[in-house]
Amino acid sequence: MVQFMSFWSINGPLDEALLCQQLEDFRDLGFDGVIFHPRYYPGEPEYLGVKYMEIVSKVILHAKKIGLLFWIYDEDGARELFHFTNAAKIILKTSFFFAKA
């Protein structure tokens, strides 16, 4: 089965309402999901901070609610997390899980 995903570059401050509306727009255009990519993210709220994670979590749940797949592509975030030993272990375990799935 073919699925169509939009590469969704996040290059502005995170605005939950705007992001959820954009998800609905993607769905209405016939996309099956999005690939969330904060490549040129300006840091509002702080990148990978509590507020950032809260907003992204709500946006992911909204995507699920409206029937969209939600992937995250963020090589910068992975580099940030590798500074923390426990996070690196979690990433490796998660990568292994997805590789087997």
Protein backbone atom coordinates (compact mmCIF):
# COMPACT_ATOMS: atom_id res chain seq x y z
CA MET A 1 0.00 0.00 0.00
CA VAL A 2 1.33 3.42 -0.95
CA GLN A 3 1.10 6.22 1.59
CA PHE A 4 1.76 9.87 0.90
CA MET A 5 3.61 11.84 3.57
CA SER A 6 4.42 15.53 3.59
CA PHE A 7 7.91 16.60 4.69
CA TRP A 8 6.84 19.27 7.19
CA SER A 9 9.64 21.75 7.88
CA ILE A 10 9.13 23.63 11.11
CA ASN A 11 10.88 26.97 10.72
CA GLY A 12 8.90 29.22 13.06
CA PRO A 13 7.88 29.34 16.72
CA LEU A 14 5.67 26.44 17.81
CA ASP A 15 2.03 27.50 17.85
CA GLU A 16 -0.18 24.55 18.82
CA ALA A 17 -3.35 25.89 17.17
CA LEU A 18 -1.54 26.72 13.93
CA LEU A 19 0.23 23.36 13.80
CA CYS A 20 -3.03 21.48 14.40
CA GLN A 21 -4.71 23.50 11.65
CA GLN A 22 -1.84 22.68 9.30
CA LEU A 23 -2.31 18.99 10.10
CA GLU A 24 -5.97 19.28 9.13
CA ASP A 25 -4.92 21.01 5.92
CA PHE A 26 -2.53 18.13 5.11
CA ARG A 27 -5.35 15.64 5.73
CA ASP A 28 -7.77 17.65 3.57
CA LEU A 29 -5.20 17.66 0.75
CA GLY A 30 -5.12 13.87 0.84
CA PHE A 31 -1.87 13.22 2.71
CA ASP A 32 -1.68 10.10 4.90
CA GLY A 33 0.70 11.73 7.35
CA VAL A 34 3.57 14.10 7.96
CA ILE A 35 7.28 13.98 8.67
CA PHE A 36 7.86 16.65 11.32
CA HIS A 37 11.27 18.28 10.79
CA PRO A 38 12.36 21.25 12.96
CA ARG A 39 15.42 21.95 10.81
CA TYR A 40 15.54 25.74 11.13
CA TYR A 41 13.63 25.99 14.38
CA PRO A 42 14.13 29.46 15.95
CA GLY A 43 13.99 28.27 19.58
CA GLU A 44 10.56 29.50 20.69
CA PRO A 45 9.84 27.73 23.02
CA GLU A 46 13.26 26.38 23.96
CA TYR A 47 14.27 23.49 21.71
CA LEU A 48 13.53 20.15 23.45
CA GLY A 49 12.44 22.01 26.59
CA VAL A 50 9.35 21.13 28.62
CA LYS A 51 7.02 23.51 26.75
CA TYR A 52 8.40 22.36 23.37
CA MET A 53 7.77 18.72 24.28
CA GLU A 54 4.27 19.51 25.57
CA ILE A 55 3.30 21.23 22.31
CA VAL A 56 4.82 18.54 20.09
CA SER A 57 3.06 15.85 22.15
CA LYS A 58 -0.31 17.56 21.72
CA VAL A 59 0.30 17.96 18.00
CA ILE A 60 1.15 14.25 17.70
CA LEU A 61 -2.06 13.33 19.53
CA HIS A 62 -4.04 15.61 17.23
CA ALA A 63 -2.53 13.90 14.19
CA LYS A 64 -3.56 10.54 15.60
CA LYS A 65 -7.06 11.82 16.35
CA ILE A 66 -7.61 12.95 12.75
CA GLY A 67 -6.09 9.80 11.27
CA LEU A 68 -2.65 11.01 10.18
CA LEU A 69 0.64 9.20 10.58
CA PHE A 70 3.27 11.28 12.38
CA TRP A 71 6.98 10.72 11.92
CA ILE A 72 9.76 12.83 13.39
CA TYR A 73 12.98 13.49 11.49
CA ASP A 74 15.35 15.47 13.67
CA GLU A 75 19.05 14.71 13.49
CA ASP A 76 19.80 17.79 15.60
CA GLY A 77 17.62 16.54 18.45
CA ALA A 78 19.33 13.17 18.39
CA ARG A 79 22.71 14.88 18.70
CA GLU A 80 21.46 16.91 21.65
CA LEU A 81 20.18 13.80 23.43
CA PHE A 82 23.45 11.91 23.03
CA HIS A 83 25.02 14.26 25.60
CA PHE A 84 22.98 12.35 28.18
CA THR A 85 24.03 8.72 28.69
CA ASN A 86 20.57 7.41 29.60
CA ALA A 87 18.93 9.19 26.65
CA ALA A 88 21.48 7.64 24.29
CA LYS A 89 20.54 4.19 25.58
CA ILE A 90 16.86 4.92 25.04
CA ILE A 91 17.48 6.14 21.49
CA LEU A 92 19.46 3.02 20.64
CA LYS A 93 16.77 0.74 22.10
CA THR A 94 14.05 2.65 20.24
CA SER A 95 16.00 2.51 16.98
CA PHE A 96 16.42 -1.23 17.38
CA PHE A 97 12.69 -1.63 18.06
CA PHE A 98 11.71 0.32 14.95
CA ALA A 99 14.27 -1.49 12.83
CA LYS A 100 12.69 -4.82 13.78
CA ALA A 101 9.07 -3.64 13.38
